[in-house]
Protein backbone atom coordinates (compact mmCIF):
# COMPACT_ATOMS: atom_id res chain seq x y z
CA MET A 1 0.06 0.12 -0.01
CA GLY A 2 0.99 3.45 -0.82
CA MET A 3 3.46 2.38 -2.87
CA HIS A 4 3.35 3.34 -6.48
CA LYS A 5 4.63 1.07 -9.57
CA LYS A 6 7.73 3.00 -11.51
CA VAL A 7 6.93 3.56 -15.38
CA LYS A 8 9.78 2.77 -17.44
CA VAL A 9 10.31 5.96 -19.88
CA ARG A 10 11.76 5.21 -23.50
CA LYS A 11 12.68 8.61 -24.98
CA MET A 12 12.18 8.79 -28.95
CA PRO A 13 14.03 11.20 -30.78
CA ASP A 14 11.01 12.90 -31.93
CA LYS A 15 8.14 15.19 -29.53
CA ARG A 16 4.89 13.14 -30.19
CA GLN A 17 2.20 12.18 -28.03
CA ARG A 18 3.05 9.33 -25.65
CA ARG A 19 1.06 6.58 -25.31
CA VAL A 20 0.79 3.82 -22.47
CA THR A 21 1.48 0.17 -23.33
CA LYS A 22 0.31 -3.01 -21.44
CA ASP A 23 3.44 -3.69 -20.27
CA GLY A 24 3.69 -0.48 -18.03
CA LEU A 25 6.37 1.44 -20.68
CA ILE A 26 5.18 4.88 -22.11
CA TYR A 27 6.93 5.87 -25.32
CA LYS A 28 6.48 8.19 -28.14
CA ALA A 29 5.02 7.49 -31.50
CA SER A 30 6.97 8.53 -33.96
CA GLN A 31 5.80 8.21 -38.10
CA GLN A 32 7.97 6.21 -40.17
CA LYS A 33 9.44 8.57 -42.33
CA LYS A 34 9.48 8.20 -46.45
CA THR A 35 12.52 8.51 -48.35
CA LYS A 36 12.23 11.19 -50.71
CA HIS A 37 12.66 10.34 -54.40
CA VAL A 38 12.94 12.22 -57.63
CA LEU A 39 10.77 10.02 -59.43
CA ASP A 40 7.16 8.35 -58.40
CA GLU A 41 7.78 5.06 -56.94
CA LYS A 42 4.83 3.84 -58.63
CA LEU A 43 6.99 4.20 -62.02
CA LYS A 44 8.53 0.84 -60.57
CA GLU A 45 4.60 -0.83 -60.90
CA GLU A 46 4.37 -3.11 -64.50
CA ASN A 47 3.55 -0.54 -67.92
CA MET A 48 2.59 2.22 -64.86
CA TRP A 49 4.50 5.18 -67.29
CA VAL A 50 2.26 4.59 -70.06
CA HIS A 51 -0.87 5.72 -67.83
CA TYR A 52 1.07 8.73 -66.64
CA VAL A 53 1.80 9.61 -69.81
CA LEU A 54 -1.60 9.01 -72.04
CA GLN A 55 -3.65 10.47 -68.50
CA SER A 56 -1.63 13.64 -69.20
CA LEU A 57 -2.44 13.58 -72.73
CA LEU A 58 -6.05 13.16 -71.79
CA ALA A 59 -6.16 16.21 -69.66
CA THR A 60 -4.37 18.16 -72.03
CA PHE A 61 -6.56 17.21 -75.18
CA SER A 62 -9.59 18.01 -72.45
CA ILE A 63 -8.34 21.80 -71.65
CA PHE A 64 -7.37 22.03 -75.08
CA ILE A 65 -11.11 20.89 -77.15
CA VAL A 66 -12.72 23.72 -73.74
CA LEU A 67 -10.17 26.22 -74.69
CA VAL A 68 -10.88 26.57 -78.63
CA ALA A 69 -14.60 27.35 -77.73
CA LEU A 70 -13.77 29.35 -74.64
CA ILE A 71 -10.38 31.34 -75.39
CA ASN A 72 -11.94 34.59 -74.71
CA THR A 73 -13.48 33.16 -71.19
CA PRO A 74 -10.50 33.91 -68.58
CA VAL A 75 -12.57 32.86 -65.25
CA ILE A 76 -12.45 29.29 -66.31
CA VAL A 77 -8.75 28.93 -66.62
CA ALA A 78 -8.07 28.87 -62.84
CA ALA A 79 -10.35 26.33 -62.10
CA LEU A 80 -10.17 24.32 -65.09
CA GLY A 81 -6.44 23.33 -64.73
CA SER A 82 -7.09 22.16 -61.12
CA THR A 83 -10.20 20.06 -61.78
CA ALA A 84 -7.78 18.54 -65.01
CA PHE A 85 -5.48 17.27 -62.71
CA ILE A 86 -7.73 16.14 -60.23
CA VAL A 87 -10.03 13.99 -62.62
CA PHE A 88 -6.90 12.91 -64.73
CA ALA A 89 -3.84 12.50 -61.99
CA MET A 90 -6.69 11.12 -59.19
CA PRO A 91 -9.46 9.68 -61.17
CA LYS A 92 -10.89 7.44 -58.37
CA ASN A 93 -10.84 10.13 -56.02
CA ILE A 94 -14.05 11.36 -54.36
CA THR A 95 -13.65 14.77 -55.85
CA ALA A 96 -13.05 13.40 -59.30
CA GLN A 97 -16.55 11.72 -59.27
CA PRO A 98 -19.13 13.53 -61.64
CA ARG A 99 -21.40 14.31 -58.24
CA ASN A 100 -18.73 15.83 -57.40
CA VAL A 101 -17.02 17.58 -60.22
CA LEU A 102 -20.54 18.75 -61.88
CA GLY A 103 -21.90 19.66 -58.59
CA GLY A 104 -18.90 21.12 -57.20
CA HIS A 105 -19.62 23.68 -60.03
CA VAL A 106 -22.82 24.02 -59.69
CA VAL A 107 -22.28 25.05 -56.02
CA GLY A 108 -19.30 27.55 -56.74
CA ILE A 109 -21.70 29.22 -59.76
CA ILE A 110 -24.43 29.57 -57.31
CA SER A 111 -22.36 31.13 -54.55
CA GLY A 112 -20.44 33.31 -57.07
CA SER A 113 -23.31 34.57 -58.36
CA ALA A 114 -25.39 35.01 -55.34
CA CYS A 115 -21.91 37.72 -54.41
CA VAL A 116 -21.98 39.40 -57.84
CA SER A 117 -26.06 39.87 -57.42
CA MET A 118 -25.03 41.55 -54.15
CA LEU A 119 -22.34 43.51 -56.09
CA LEU A 120 -24.33 44.58 -58.45
CA LEU A 121 -26.98 45.79 -56.16
CA LEU A 122 -24.85 47.45 -54.02
CA GLY A 123 -23.24 49.20 -56.52
CA ASN A 124 -19.39 47.50 -58.00
CA ASP A 125 -17.31 50.43 -57.96
CA SER A 126 -15.81 49.45 -54.06
CA ASP A 127 -12.70 47.88 -54.15
CA PHE A 128 -13.46 46.96 -50.09
CA LEU A 129 -17.00 45.45 -51.92
CA LEU A 130 -15.41 43.71 -54.14
CA ILE A 131 -12.85 41.83 -51.76
CA LEU A 132 -15.57 41.14 -49.21
CA ALA A 133 -18.15 39.26 -51.91
CA ALA A 134 -14.86 37.44 -53.52
CA SER A 135 -14.28 36.23 -49.87
CA ILE A 136 -17.75 35.29 -48.86
CA SER A 137 -18.34 33.59 -52.47
CA VAL A 138 -15.28 30.92 -51.42
CA GLY A 139 -16.69 30.72 -48.11
CA LEU A 140 -19.98 30.15 -48.99
CA SER A 141 -19.01 27.58 -51.50
CA ILE A 142 -17.02 25.40 -49.38
CA PHE A 143 -19.88 24.86 -46.67
CA ILE A 144 -22.61 24.33 -49.15
CA MET A 145 -20.01 21.44 -50.75
CA VAL A 146 -19.39 19.69 -47.35
CA VAL A 147 -23.02 19.98 -46.77
CA THR A 148 -23.77 18.43 -49.72
CA ASP A 149 -21.62 16.14 -50.20
CA THR A 150 -20.11 17.64 -53.49
CA GLU A 151 -16.54 18.44 -52.53
CA HIS A 152 -14.61 20.12 -55.42
CA PRO A 153 -11.72 22.19 -54.65
CA PRO A 154 -11.72 23.50 -57.96
CA ALA A 155 -15.39 24.67 -57.51
CA GLY A 156 -13.97 27.37 -54.79
CA SER A 157 -12.06 29.07 -57.68
CA THR A 158 -15.01 29.12 -60.09
CA ALA A 159 -17.28 31.01 -57.04
CA LEU A 160 -14.33 33.24 -56.59
CA GLY A 161 -13.73 34.11 -60.72
CA LEU A 162 -17.38 34.96 -61.41
CA VAL A 163 -17.16 37.63 -58.53
CA ILE A 164 -13.84 39.33 -59.87
CA HIS A 165 -14.90 38.90 -63.52
CA ALA A 166 -18.25 38.94 -64.33
CA ALA A 167 -19.37 42.74 -64.64
CA THR A 168 -22.84 42.45 -65.76
CA PRO A 169 -25.78 39.80 -65.43
CA TRP A 170 -25.02 38.78 -68.85
CA ASP A 171 -21.26 38.31 -68.05
CA LEU A 172 -22.73 36.16 -64.95
CA ILE A 173 -25.00 34.26 -67.70
CA THR A 174 -22.31 33.51 -69.81
CA TYR A 175 -19.24 32.40 -67.55
CA ALA A 176 -21.85 30.09 -65.90
CA GLY A 177 -22.45 28.32 -69.36
CA PHE A 178 -18.82 27.89 -70.14
CA ILE A 179 -18.08 26.73 -66.80
CA LEU A 180 -20.86 24.00 -66.86
CA PHE A 181 -19.86 23.12 -70.34
CA SER A 182 -16.41 22.79 -69.39
CA ALA A 183 -17.15 20.95 -66.61
CA PHE A 184 -18.83 18.52 -68.61
CA ILE A 185 -16.47 17.66 -71.22
CA ILE A 186 -14.19 16.89 -68.57
CA THR A 187 -16.42 14.52 -67.10
CA SER A 188 -17.34 13.16 -69.98
CA VAL A 189 -13.63 12.26 -71.21
CA LYS A 190 -13.29 10.69 -67.70
CA HIS A 191 -16.57 8.66 -67.97
CA VAL A 192 -15.77 6.98 -71.26
CA LEU A 193 -12.10 5.98 -70.53
CA ASN A 194 -12.64 5.63 -66.63
CA PRO A 195 -12.19 2.08 -66.37
CA ARG A 196 -8.79 2.22 -67.91
CA LEU A 197 -7.37 5.50 -65.52
CA ARG A 198 -5.15 4.45 -62.48
CA ASP A 199 -4.68 6.84 -59.24
CA LEU A 200 -1.15 8.45 -60.24
CA VAL A 201 -0.96 10.31 -56.62
């Protein structure tokens, strides 16, 4: 009675949360560090380099089709590149699925349109209001995406781009249509070739 069992402490190099084992030992958990390589380790898998080349070419092809039609529409450029990367580099990822790609951009359009409408009502000649509306559009799009389970990170750029570039209701309608068209093209290419695509990341 009154005696306390001594607990042995094994010190580890890094400072992380301690855990108690069944034998009473306390140690600090450390994560095994991966060795950094210049090239992806997946390239060692048989014929994996073919997927790297072909899926990058698919992204190039999809963007080419869209930009030929929409060359004068700067609002879509930032979101497009990110969407193409997710869809063709991580095709099995949840954010690359059609529900997320199309749904996410629809959410971005709704959020951006709401903030553009606010600007048009209040007057869009104030830099502060523009910055405020742009910030709100991103936060709103994130909230709606996570609530509706349509997470697609580039859709935040869709909302932001609409606020920054759409100065009139016609701009808003035109850009929204272009964004949906772009998302549809990229999703369609992925859908057709999905069985052959592999996650590169």
